[in-house]
Amino acid sequence: MSKARSAATKPAKSTRSDGSSVVTWRAGADDLAAIDAVESWLKAESADAQKVTRSDAVRRALRLAQASIAGSAERDAVRDAARDEARDAARDKAHDEARRVELEAAGLLPGADQIDALLAQLKATEDAYRGFDKQVQRIGNNVNQMTIVAHSGGAVDVDAIAGVERALRAILDEMTLWERFDNRERMRLMYDRRT
């Protein structure tokens, strides 16, 4: 084969002064039909169908192909991540189940009745602390009222201030007792199962 003939069968590519490239290649009937389909679609989508050229159709077809390939890669990455996540979740579940069986065999896993008792204790603690919160809010309202009276030039009763102090001390004592009871009860519920 001569050099002239082999050069004619290779696609030609040249660079233009604006940085774009002119590319030529041989196109078969299927290629031309695909370009015609893209060109028809562009004309249907375009506001000015007369200005859509075959070059526009080729450029758009290449962009669509690139987007499809990139989209396939993204879909593959998402699919692979989901598969890996499902595999990891199954492995973690199997590990957790094996650990549960191990703890149960060693007698370190609480039973349902112990869990219910712990939950009841937590609920009682929550209720107690909500009560403390309401008491402190009411005392705070009283202190605010005394502050308003003091700032307006009025006299604040010393017994009122002493009453606030007594009330806060009583709440602190009650909270301390509750905390000791709560800790003792929680320890009893948690460690009684080992005996």
N, C-alpha and C. Protein backbone atom coordinates (compact mmCIF):
# COMPACT_ATOMS: atom_id res chain seq x y z
N MET A 1 0.85 -1.16 0.00
CA MET A 1 0.00 0.00 0.00
C MET A 1 0.91 1.23 0.00
N SER A 2 0.56 2.19 -0.79
CA SER A 2 1.39 3.38 -0.90
C SER A 2 1.13 4.33 0.26
N LYS A 3 2.09 5.24 0.50
CA LYS A 3 1.94 6.21 1.57
C LYS A 3 0.76 7.13 1.32
N ALA A 4 0.50 7.46 0.09
CA ALA A 4 -0.62 8.36 -0.22
C ALA A 4 -1.93 7.70 0.13
N ARG A 5 -2.05 6.41 -0.18
CA ARG A 5 -3.31 5.71 0.10
C ARG A 5 -3.49 5.52 1.60
N SER A 6 -2.45 5.16 2.36
CA SER A 6 -2.61 4.96 3.79
C SER A 6 -2.94 6.27 4.49
N ALA A 7 -2.43 7.39 4.01
CA ALA A 7 -2.75 8.69 4.60
C ALA A 7 -4.21 9.02 4.36
N ALA A 8 -4.76 8.59 3.26
CA ALA A 8 -6.15 8.89 2.93
C ALA A 8 -7.12 8.09 3.79
N THR A 9 -6.70 6.95 4.29
CA THR A 9 -7.60 6.14 5.10
C THR A 9 -7.60 6.53 6.56
N LYS A 10 -6.61 7.32 7.01
CA LYS A 10 -6.55 7.77 8.40
C LYS A 10 -7.41 9.02 8.56
N PRO A 11 -8.04 9.19 9.73
CA PRO A 11 -8.80 10.42 9.93
C PRO A 11 -7.85 11.61 9.98
N ALA A 12 -8.27 12.70 9.41
CA ALA A 12 -7.45 13.92 9.40
C ALA A 12 -7.90 14.80 10.56
N LYS A 13 -6.93 15.47 11.15
CA LYS A 13 -7.23 16.36 12.25
C LYS A 13 -6.33 17.57 12.13
N SER A 14 -6.91 18.73 12.18
CA SER A 14 -6.10 19.94 12.13
C SER A 14 -6.64 20.93 13.16
N THR A 15 -5.76 21.78 13.63
CA THR A 15 -6.14 22.75 14.64
C THR A 15 -6.34 24.10 13.98
N ARG A 16 -7.44 24.74 14.36
CA ARG A 16 -7.75 26.06 13.81
C ARG A 16 -7.17 27.13 14.73
N SER A 17 -7.17 28.34 14.27
CA SER A 17 -6.59 29.44 15.04
C SER A 17 -7.39 29.76 16.31
N ASP A 18 -8.69 29.42 16.37
CA ASP A 18 -9.49 29.70 17.57
C ASP A 18 -9.38 28.59 18.62
N GLY A 19 -8.53 27.60 18.40
CA GLY A 19 -8.31 26.54 19.37
C GLY A 19 -9.18 25.32 19.13
N SER A 20 -10.17 25.42 18.27
CA SER A 20 -11.00 24.26 17.97
C SER A 20 -10.29 23.40 16.93
N SER A 21 -10.74 22.18 16.80
CA SER A 21 -10.12 21.25 15.85
C SER A 21 -11.13 20.84 14.80
N VAL A 22 -10.63 20.64 13.63
CA VAL A 22 -11.45 20.10 12.54
C VAL A 22 -11.05 18.64 12.40
N VAL A 23 -12.04 17.76 12.50
CA VAL A 23 -11.78 16.33 12.43
C VAL A 23 -12.60 15.76 11.29
N THR A 24 -11.97 14.97 10.45
CA THR A 24 -12.70 14.30 9.37
C THR A 24 -12.53 12.80 9.55
N TRP A 25 -13.56 12.05 9.18
CA TRP A 25 -13.51 10.59 9.23
C TRP A 25 -14.53 10.03 8.27
N ARG A 26 -14.40 8.77 8.01
CA ARG A 26 -15.35 8.10 7.13
C ARG A 26 -16.54 7.67 7.98
N ALA A 27 -17.73 7.92 7.47
CA ALA A 27 -18.95 7.56 8.19
C ALA A 27 -19.76 6.61 7.32
N GLY A 28 -20.23 5.52 7.96
CA GLY A 28 -21.08 4.57 7.25
C GLY A 28 -22.54 5.01 7.33
N ALA A 29 -23.40 4.23 6.74
CA ALA A 29 -24.82 4.56 6.70
C ALA A 29 -25.42 4.62 8.11
N ASP A 30 -25.01 3.70 8.99
CA ASP A 30 -25.52 3.72 10.36
C ASP A 30 -25.08 4.98 11.11
N ASP A 31 -23.81 5.40 10.89
CA ASP A 31 -23.30 6.61 11.53
C ASP A 31 -24.08 7.83 11.05
N LEU A 32 -24.30 7.90 9.73
CA LEU A 32 -25.02 9.05 9.17
C LEU A 32 -26.47 9.06 9.65
N ALA A 33 -27.09 7.89 9.79
CA ALA A 33 -28.47 7.82 10.28
C ALA A 33 -28.54 8.30 11.73
N ALA A 34 -27.52 7.94 12.52
CA ALA A 34 -27.49 8.39 13.91
C ALA A 34 -27.32 9.90 13.98
N ILE A 35 -26.44 10.45 13.14
CA ILE A 35 -26.24 11.91 13.12
C ILE A 35 -27.52 12.62 12.66
N ASP A 36 -28.19 12.05 11.65
CA ASP A 36 -29.46 12.63 11.18
C ASP A 36 -30.52 12.63 12.28
N ALA A 37 -30.55 11.55 13.09
CA ALA A 37 -31.53 11.48 14.18
C ALA A 37 -31.24 12.56 15.23
N VAL A 38 -29.96 12.75 15.55
CA VAL A 38 -29.59 13.79 16.52
C VAL A 38 -29.92 15.17 15.94
N GLU A 39 -29.63 15.36 14.64
CA GLU A 39 -29.92 16.64 13.99
C GLU A 39 -31.42 16.94 14.00
N SER A 40 -32.24 15.93 13.73
CA SER A 40 -33.70 16.10 13.76
C SER A 40 -34.17 16.45 15.17
N TRP A 41 -33.62 15.78 16.13
CA TRP A 41 -33.98 16.06 17.53
C TRP A 41 -33.59 17.49 17.91
N LEU A 42 -32.38 17.92 17.51
CA LEU A 42 -31.94 19.28 17.81
C LEU A 42 -32.85 20.31 17.14
N LYS A 43 -33.25 20.06 15.91
CA LYS A 43 -34.14 20.99 15.20
C LYS A 43 -35.50 21.08 15.90
N ALA A 44 -35.98 19.94 16.40
CA ALA A 44 -37.27 19.94 17.10
C ALA A 44 -37.16 20.70 18.43
N GLU A 45 -36.01 20.64 19.07
CA GLU A 45 -35.80 21.31 20.36
C GLU A 45 -35.39 22.76 20.21
N SER A 46 -34.85 23.14 19.06
CA SER A 46 -34.29 24.46 18.87
C SER A 46 -35.38 25.48 18.55
N ALA A 47 -35.19 26.71 19.04
CA ALA A 47 -36.11 27.79 18.72
C ALA A 47 -35.92 28.23 17.27
N ASP A 48 -34.70 28.12 16.78
CA ASP A 48 -34.40 28.51 15.41
C ASP A 48 -33.87 27.29 14.67
N ALA A 49 -34.78 26.45 14.19
CA ALA A 49 -34.42 25.17 13.58
C ALA A 49 -33.55 25.34 12.34
N GLN A 50 -33.62 26.49 11.65
CA GLN A 50 -32.86 26.69 10.42
C GLN A 50 -31.35 26.75 10.69
N LYS A 51 -30.95 27.13 11.93
CA LYS A 51 -29.53 27.29 12.22
C LYS A 51 -28.85 26.02 12.72
N VAL A 52 -29.57 24.92 12.85
CA VAL A 52 -28.97 23.66 13.30
C VAL A 52 -28.31 22.99 12.11
N THR A 53 -26.99 22.74 12.24
CA THR A 53 -26.23 22.13 11.15
C THR A 53 -25.85 20.70 11.53
N ARG A 54 -25.32 20.01 10.56
CA ARG A 54 -24.84 18.65 10.81
C ARG A 54 -23.67 18.68 11.79
N SER A 55 -22.85 19.73 11.73
CA SER A 55 -21.74 19.86 12.68
C SER A 55 -22.28 20.01 14.10
N ASP A 56 -23.37 20.78 14.24
CA ASP A 56 -24.00 20.90 15.56
C ASP A 56 -24.47 19.54 16.05
N ALA A 57 -25.04 18.75 15.13
CA ALA A 57 -25.54 17.43 15.49
C ALA A 57 -24.40 16.51 15.93
N VAL A 58 -23.25 16.58 15.23
CA VAL A 58 -22.10 15.75 15.59
C VAL A 58 -21.58 16.16 16.97
N ARG A 59 -21.44 17.50 17.20
CA ARG A 59 -20.95 17.97 18.50
C ARG A 59 -21.90 17.51 19.62
N ARG A 60 -23.21 17.67 19.40
CA ARG A 60 -24.18 17.28 20.43
C ARG A 60 -24.16 15.78 20.66
N ALA A 61 -24.02 14.98 19.60
CA ALA A 61 -23.98 13.52 19.73
C ALA A 61 -22.76 13.11 20.56
N LEU A 62 -21.62 13.78 20.34
CA LEU A 62 -20.42 13.46 21.12
C LEU A 62 -20.62 13.83 22.59
N ARG A 63 -21.24 14.97 22.85
CA ARG A 63 -21.50 15.36 24.24
C ARG A 63 -22.48 14.40 24.91
N LEU A 64 -23.51 14.00 24.17
CA LEU A 64 -24.47 13.03 24.72
C LEU A 64 -23.79 11.70 25.02
N ALA A 65 -22.91 11.27 24.13
CA ALA A 65 -22.19 10.01 24.35
C ALA A 65 -21.30 10.12 25.59
N GLN A 66 -20.59 11.24 25.71
CA GLN A 66 -19.73 11.45 26.88
C GLN A 66 -20.55 11.46 28.16
N ALA A 67 -21.70 12.15 28.14
CA ALA A 67 -22.55 12.21 29.34
C ALA A 67 -23.09 10.83 29.68
N SER A 68 -23.43 10.07 28.66
CA SER A 68 -23.93 8.71 28.90
C SER A 68 -22.85 7.84 29.52
N ILE A 69 -21.64 7.96 29.02
CA ILE A 69 -20.54 7.17 29.57
C ILE A 69 -20.24 7.60 30.99
N ALA A 70 -20.17 8.92 31.22
CA ALA A 70 -19.91 9.42 32.57
C ALA A 70 -21.04 9.02 33.49
N GLY A 71 -22.28 9.10 33.01
CA GLY A 71 -23.43 8.68 33.81
C GLY A 71 -23.36 7.21 34.16
N SER A 72 -22.92 6.40 33.21
CA SER A 72 -22.78 4.97 33.48
C SER A 72 -21.74 4.74 34.56
N ALA A 73 -20.64 5.48 34.50
CA ALA A 73 -19.60 5.34 35.52
C ALA A 73 -20.14 5.75 36.88
N GLU A 74 -20.92 6.85 36.92
CA GLU A 74 -21.50 7.29 38.20
C GLU A 74 -22.49 6.26 38.72
N ARG A 75 -23.34 5.74 37.82
CA ARG A 75 -24.31 4.72 38.24
C ARG A 75 -23.58 3.49 38.77
N ASP A 76 -22.49 3.09 38.08
CA ASP A 76 -21.71 1.94 38.53
C ASP A 76 -21.11 2.20 39.91
N ALA A 77 -20.61 3.43 40.12
CA ALA A 77 -20.01 3.77 41.41
C ALA A 77 -21.06 3.72 42.52
N VAL A 78 -22.26 4.24 42.24
CA VAL A 78 -23.34 4.21 43.24
C VAL A 78 -23.76 2.77 43.52
N ARG A 79 -23.90 1.98 42.46
CA ARG A 79 -24.27 0.57 42.62
C ARG A 79 -23.22 -0.18 43.43
N ASP A 80 -21.94 0.06 43.11
CA ASP A 80 -20.87 -0.62 43.84
C ASP A 80 -20.85 -0.20 45.31
N ALA A 81 -21.08 1.11 45.57
CA ALA A 81 -21.10 1.59 46.96
C ALA A 81 -22.26 0.95 47.72
N ALA A 82 -23.43 0.85 47.07
CA ALA A 82 -24.59 0.23 47.72
C ALA A 82 -24.32 -1.25 48.01
N ARG A 83 -23.68 -1.93 47.07
CA ARG A 83 -23.35 -3.34 47.26
C ARG A 83 -22.37 -3.51 48.41
N ASP A 84 -21.35 -2.64 48.45
CA ASP A 84 -20.36 -2.71 49.53
C ASP A 84 -21.01 -2.41 50.88
N GLU A 85 -21.91 -1.42 50.89
CA GLU A 85 -22.60 -1.07 52.14
C GLU A 85 -23.45 -2.24 52.62
N ALA A 86 -24.16 -2.90 51.71
CA ALA A 86 -24.99 -4.05 52.10
C ALA A 86 -24.12 -5.19 52.62
N ARG A 87 -22.98 -5.41 51.97
CA ARG A 87 -22.06 -6.46 52.42
C ARG A 87 -21.52 -6.14 53.81
N ASP A 88 -21.13 -4.87 54.03
CA ASP A 88 -20.62 -4.46 55.33
C ASP A 88 -21.69 -4.57 56.41
N ALA A 89 -22.93 -4.20 56.07
CA ALA A 89 -24.02 -4.29 57.03
C ALA A 89 -24.28 -5.75 57.42
N ALA A 90 -24.24 -6.65 56.43
CA ALA A 90 -24.45 -8.07 56.72
C ALA A 90 -23.32 -8.60 57.61
N ARG A 91 -22.08 -8.20 57.31
CA ARG A 91 -20.94 -8.62 58.12
C ARG A 91 -21.07 -8.09 59.55
N ASP A 92 -21.46 -6.80 59.68
CA ASP A 92 -21.62 -6.20 61.01
C ASP A 92 -22.74 -6.90 61.79
N LYS A 93 -23.82 -7.23 61.10
CA LYS A 93 -24.94 -7.92 61.76
C LYS A 93 -24.50 -9.29 62.26
N ALA A 94 -23.76 -9.99 61.44
CA ALA A 94 -23.26 -11.32 61.85
C ALA A 94 -22.31 -11.18 63.04
N HIS A 95 -21.46 -10.16 63.01
CA HIS A 95 -20.54 -9.93 64.13
C HIS A 95 -21.31 -9.59 65.40
N ASP A 96 -22.31 -8.71 65.28
CA ASP A 96 -23.12 -8.33 66.45
C ASP A 96 -23.86 -9.54 67.04
N GLU A 97 -24.38 -10.38 66.16
CA GLU A 97 -25.10 -11.57 66.63
C GLU A 97 -24.14 -12.52 67.35
N ALA A 98 -22.93 -12.70 66.79
CA ALA A 98 -21.95 -13.56 67.44
C ALA A 98 -21.55 -12.99 68.80
N ARG A 99 -21.40 -11.68 68.89
CA ARG A 99 -21.05 -11.04 70.15
C ARG A 99 -22.18 -11.19 71.18
N ARG A 100 -23.44 -11.06 70.71
CA ARG A 100 -24.59 -11.22 71.60
C ARG A 100 -24.62 -12.63 72.17
N VAL A 101 -24.40 -13.63 71.31
CA VAL A 101 -24.39 -15.02 71.76
C VAL A 101 -23.27 -15.24 72.78
N GLU A 102 -22.11 -14.64 72.52
CA GLU A 102 -20.98 -14.77 73.43
C GLU A 102 -21.29 -14.15 74.79
N LEU A 103 -21.87 -12.95 74.80
CA LEU A 103 -22.23 -12.29 76.05
C LEU A 103 -23.32 -13.05 76.80
N GLU A 104 -24.28 -13.56 76.04
CA GLU A 104 -25.37 -14.32 76.65
C GLU A 104 -24.83 -15.59 77.31
N ALA A 105 -23.90 -16.27 76.65
CA ALA A 105 -23.31 -17.48 77.20
C ALA A 105 -22.51 -17.18 78.47
N ALA A 106 -21.90 -16.01 78.54
CA ALA A 106 -21.12 -15.64 79.72
C ALA A 106 -22.00 -15.07 80.83
N GLY A 107 -23.30 -14.90 80.56
CA GLY A 107 -24.21 -14.37 81.57
C GLY A 107 -24.08 -12.87 81.75
N LEU A 108 -23.54 -12.18 80.77
CA LEU A 108 -23.34 -10.74 80.87
C LEU A 108 -24.41 -9.92 80.17
N LEU A 109 -25.36 -10.57 79.53
CA LEU A 109 -26.41 -9.87 78.79
C LEU A 109 -27.66 -9.81 79.65
N PRO A 110 -28.22 -8.62 79.87
CA PRO A 110 -29.41 -8.53 80.72
C PRO A 110 -30.62 -9.16 80.05
N GLY A 111 -31.50 -9.69 80.88
CA GLY A 111 -32.73 -10.27 80.37
C GLY A 111 -33.77 -9.19 80.13
N ALA A 112 -34.89 -9.58 79.56
CA ALA A 112 -35.95 -8.62 79.22
C ALA A 112 -36.50 -7.95 80.47
N ASP A 113 -36.65 -8.71 81.58
CA ASP A 113 -37.17 -8.12 82.80
C ASP A 113 -36.20 -7.09 83.38
N GLN A 114 -34.89 -7.34 83.26
CA GLN A 114 -33.91 -6.38 83.75
C GLN A 114 -33.90 -5.11 82.89
N ILE A 115 -34.06 -5.30 81.60
CA ILE A 115 -34.12 -4.13 80.70
C ILE A 115 -35.35 -3.30 81.02
N ASP A 116 -36.49 -3.96 81.26
CA ASP A 116 -37.72 -3.24 81.62
C ASP A 116 -37.53 -2.48 82.92
N ALA A 117 -36.85 -3.08 83.89
CA ALA A 117 -36.62 -2.41 85.17
C ALA A 117 -35.71 -1.20 84.99
N LEU A 118 -34.66 -1.35 84.15
CA LEU A 118 -33.78 -0.22 83.89
C LEU A 118 -34.53 0.92 83.19
N LEU A 119 -35.37 0.57 82.22
CA LEU A 119 -36.15 1.59 81.52
C LEU A 119 -37.12 2.29 82.47
N ALA A 120 -37.73 1.53 83.37
CA ALA A 120 -38.64 2.14 84.36
C ALA A 120 -37.86 3.08 85.27
N GLN A 121 -36.65 2.69 85.66
CA GLN A 121 -35.82 3.54 86.51
C GLN A 121 -35.43 4.82 85.77
N LEU A 122 -35.08 4.69 84.50
CA LEU A 122 -34.75 5.88 83.71
C LEU A 122 -35.94 6.82 83.58
N LYS A 123 -37.13 6.26 83.40
CA LYS A 123 -38.34 7.06 83.30
C LYS A 123 -38.60 7.79 84.62
N ALA A 124 -38.42 7.12 85.75
CA ALA A 124 -38.61 7.75 87.06
C ALA A 124 -37.60 8.87 87.25
N THR A 125 -36.36 8.65 86.81
CA THR A 125 -35.33 9.69 86.91
C THR A 125 -35.70 10.89 86.05
N GLU A 126 -36.16 10.62 84.85
CA GLU A 126 -36.57 11.70 83.96
C GLU A 126 -37.70 12.52 84.58
N ASP A 127 -38.70 11.85 85.12
CA ASP A 127 -39.82 12.54 85.75
C ASP A 127 -39.36 13.39 86.93
N ALA A 128 -38.46 12.84 87.75
CA ALA A 128 -37.96 13.58 88.92
C ALA A 128 -37.23 14.85 88.47
N TYR A 129 -36.37 14.72 87.46
CA TYR A 129 -35.62 15.89 87.02
C TYR A 129 -36.51 16.91 86.33
N ARG A 130 -37.57 16.46 85.68
CA ARG A 130 -38.54 17.43 85.12
C ARG A 130 -39.20 18.21 86.24
N GLY A 131 -39.50 17.53 87.34
CA GLY A 131 -40.08 18.21 88.49
C GLY A 131 -39.11 19.23 89.07
N PHE A 132 -37.83 18.87 89.19
CA PHE A 132 -36.83 19.82 89.67
C PHE A 132 -36.77 21.04 88.75
N ASP A 133 -36.83 20.78 87.46
CA ASP A 133 -36.76 21.85 86.48
C ASP A 133 -37.92 22.84 86.67
N LYS A 134 -39.12 22.33 86.86
CA LYS A 134 -40.28 23.21 87.07
C LYS A 134 -40.13 24.03 88.34
N GLN A 135 -39.63 23.42 89.39
CA GLN A 135 -39.44 24.15 90.65
C GLN A 135 -38.43 25.28 90.48
N VAL A 136 -37.32 24.99 89.80
CA VAL A 136 -36.30 26.01 89.59
C VAL A 136 -36.84 27.14 88.71
N GLN A 137 -37.65 26.81 87.72
CA GLN A 137 -38.25 27.85 86.87
C GLN A 137 -39.15 28.77 87.70
N ARG A 138 -39.95 28.21 88.58
CA ARG A 138 -40.84 29.03 89.42
C ARG A 138 -40.03 29.93 90.35
N ILE A 139 -38.97 29.39 90.92
CA ILE A 139 -38.11 30.20 91.79
C ILE A 139 -37.46 31.31 90.96
N GLY A 140 -37.05 31.00 89.75
CA GLY A 140 -36.46 32.01 88.86
C GLY A 140 -37.44 33.14 88.58
N ASN A 141 -38.72 32.80 88.37
CA ASN A 141 -39.74 33.84 88.16
C ASN A 141 -39.82 34.74 89.38
N ASN A 142 -39.80 34.16 90.59
CA ASN A 142 -39.85 34.96 91.81
C ASN A 142 -38.64 35.88 91.92
N VAL A 143 -37.45 35.36 91.60
CA VAL A 143 -36.24 36.17 91.66
C VAL A 143 -36.33 37.32 90.66
N ASN A 144 -36.85 37.05 89.46
CA ASN A 144 -37.02 38.12 88.46
C ASN A 144 -37.96 39.21 88.97
N GLN A 145 -39.04 38.81 89.62
CA GLN A 145 -39.98 39.80 90.17
C GLN A 145 -39.31 40.63 91.26
N MET A 146 -38.51 39.99 92.11
CA MET A 146 -37.80 40.74 93.15
C MET A 146 -36.79 41.70 92.52
N THR A 147 -36.16 41.29 91.42
CA THR A 147 -35.19 42.14 90.75
C THR A 147 -35.88 43.37 90.16
N ILE A 148 -37.06 43.18 89.58
CA ILE A 148 -37.81 44.31 89.02
C ILE A 148 -38.16 45.30 90.12
N VAL A 149 -38.61 44.78 91.27
CA VAL A 149 -38.95 45.65 92.40
C VAL A 149 -37.71 46.41 92.86
N ALA A 150 -36.57 45.72 92.95
CA ALA A 150 -35.33 46.37 93.41
C ALA A 150 -34.88 47.45 92.44
N HIS A 151 -34.98 47.20 91.14
CA HIS A 151 -34.55 48.18 90.14
C HIS A 151 -35.49 49.37 90.06
N SER A 152 -36.72 49.18 90.43
CA SER A 152 -37.67 50.31 90.39
C SER A 152 -37.59 51.16 91.66
N GLY A 153 -36.69 50.82 92.54
CA GLY A 153 -36.48 51.60 93.75
C GLY A 153 -37.23 51.08 94.96
N GLY A 154 -37.91 49.98 94.82
CA GLY A 154 -38.64 49.39 95.93
C GLY A 154 -37.73 48.57 96.83
N ALA A 155 -38.24 48.25 97.98
CA ALA A 155 -37.48 47.45 98.94
C ALA A 155 -37.85 45.98 98.77
N VAL A 156 -36.83 45.13 98.75
CA VAL A 156 -37.04 43.69 98.65
C VAL A 156 -36.93 43.12 100.05
N ASP A 157 -37.91 42.33 100.39
CA ASP A 157 -37.97 41.74 101.73
C ASP A 157 -36.83 40.73 101.90
N VAL A 158 -36.11 40.85 103.00
CA VAL A 158 -35.00 39.94 103.30
C VAL A 158 -35.52 38.52 103.48
N ASP A 159 -36.71 38.38 104.03
CA ASP A 159 -37.30 37.04 104.20
C ASP A 159 -37.58 36.39 102.85
N ALA A 160 -37.93 37.20 101.83
CA ALA A 160 -38.17 36.65 100.49
C ALA A 160 -36.89 36.09 99.90
N ILE A 161 -35.79 36.82 100.07
CA ILE A 161 -34.50 36.34 99.57
C ILE A 161 -34.08 35.08 100.32
N ALA A 162 -34.29 35.06 101.63
CA ALA A 162 -33.96 33.87 102.44
C ALA A 162 -34.84 32.70 102.02
N GLY A 163 -36.11 32.98 101.67
CA GLY A 163 -37.01 31.92 101.21
C GLY A 163 -36.54 31.30 99.91
N VAL A 164 -36.05 32.16 99.00
CA VAL A 164 -35.50 31.65 97.73
C VAL A 164 -34.30 30.75 98.02
N GLU A 165 -33.43 31.21 98.92
CA GLU A 165 -32.25 30.41 99.26
C GLU A 165 -32.65 29.08 99.88
N ARG A 166 -33.65 29.08 100.77
CA ARG A 166 -34.10 27.82 101.39
C ARG A 166 -34.69 26.89 100.34
N ALA A 167 -35.48 27.45 99.43
CA ALA A 167 -36.10 26.62 98.39
C ALA A 167 -35.04 25.99 97.49
N LEU A 168 -34.05 26.77 97.08
CA LEU A 168 -32.97 26.23 96.25
C LEU A 168 -32.16 25.16 96.99
N ARG A 169 -31.90 25.40 98.28
CA ARG A 169 -31.17 24.41 99.09
C ARG A 169 -31.98 23.11 99.18
N ALA A 170 -33.32 23.23 99.37
CA ALA A 170 -34.17 22.04 99.46
C ALA A 170 -34.15 21.25 98.14
N ILE A 171 -34.19 21.97 97.02
CA ILE A 171 -34.14 21.30 95.71
C ILE A 171 -32.80 20.60 95.54
N LEU A 172 -31.72 21.27 95.91
CA LEU A 172 -30.39 20.66 95.80
C LEU A 172 -30.28 19.41 96.66
N ASP A 173 -30.80 19.47 97.89
CA ASP A 173 -30.77 18.28 98.76
C ASP A 173 -31.59 17.14 98.17
N GLU A 174 -32.76 17.48 97.64
CA GLU A 174 -33.62 16.45 97.05
C GLU A 174 -32.94 15.83 95.82
N MET A 175 -32.31 16.66 95.01
CA MET A 175 -31.60 16.15 93.82
C MET A 175 -30.44 15.25 94.23
N THR A 176 -29.73 15.62 95.26
CA THR A 176 -28.60 14.81 95.74
C THR A 176 -29.09 13.45 96.23
N LEU A 177 -30.18 13.47 97.01
CA LEU A 177 -30.75 12.19 97.46
C LEU A 177 -31.22 11.34 96.29
N TRP A 178 -31.87 11.98 95.33
CA TRP A 178 -32.37 11.24 94.16
C TRP A 178 -31.21 10.66 93.37
N GLU A 179 -30.15 11.42 93.21
CA GLU A 179 -29.00 10.94 92.46
C GLU A 179 -28.37 9.72 93.14
N ARG A 180 -28.23 9.79 94.46
CA ARG A 180 -27.67 8.63 95.18
C ARG A 180 -28.56 7.40 95.02
N PHE A 181 -29.88 7.60 95.20
CA PHE A 181 -30.81 6.49 95.03
C PHE A 181 -30.75 5.96 93.61
N ASP A 182 -30.75 6.87 92.65
CA ASP A 182 -30.76 6.48 91.24
C ASP A 182 -29.51 5.67 90.91
N ASN A 183 -28.35 6.14 91.34
CA ASN A 183 -27.10 5.41 91.07
C ASN A 183 -27.11 4.04 91.73
N ARG A 184 -27.55 3.99 92.99
CA ARG A 184 -27.61 2.72 93.71
C ARG A 184 -28.57 1.75 93.01
N GLU A 185 -29.74 2.26 92.62
CA GLU A 185 -30.74 1.40 91.97
C GLU A 185 -30.24 0.92 90.61
N ARG A 186 -29.62 1.79 89.87
CA ARG A 186 -29.09 1.40 88.56
C ARG A 186 -28.01 0.32 88.72
N MET A 187 -27.13 0.49 89.67
CA MET A 187 -26.09 -0.51 89.90
C MET A 187 -26.70 -1.84 90.32
N ARG A 188 -27.71 -1.77 91.17
CA ARG A 188 -28.37 -3.00 91.61
C ARG A 188 -29.00 -3.71 90.42
N LEU A 189 -29.68 -2.96 89.58
CA LEU A 189 -30.34 -3.56 88.42
C LEU A 189 -29.33 -4.12 87.42
N MET A 190 -28.22 -3.44 87.26
CA MET A 190 -27.23 -3.89 86.28
C MET A 190 -26.42 -5.08 86.77
N TYR A 191 -26.07 -5.11 88.07
CA TYR A 191 -25.14 -6.13 88.54
C TYR A 191 -25.82 -7.29 89.26
N ASP A 192 -27.09 -7.21 89.57
CA ASP A 192 -27.79 -8.33 90.18
C ASP A 192 -27.88 -9.54 89.27
N ARG A 193 -27.82 -9.32 87.97
CA ARG A 193 -27.95 -10.44 87.03
C ARG A 193 -26.73 -11.36 87.05
N ARG A 194 -25.61 -10.87 87.56
CA ARG A 194 -24.38 -11.68 87.58
C ARG A 194 -24.37 -12.67 88.75
N THR A 195 -25.22 -12.45 89.74
CA THR A 195 -25.20 -13.34 90.90
C THR A 195 -26.19 -14.47 90.76
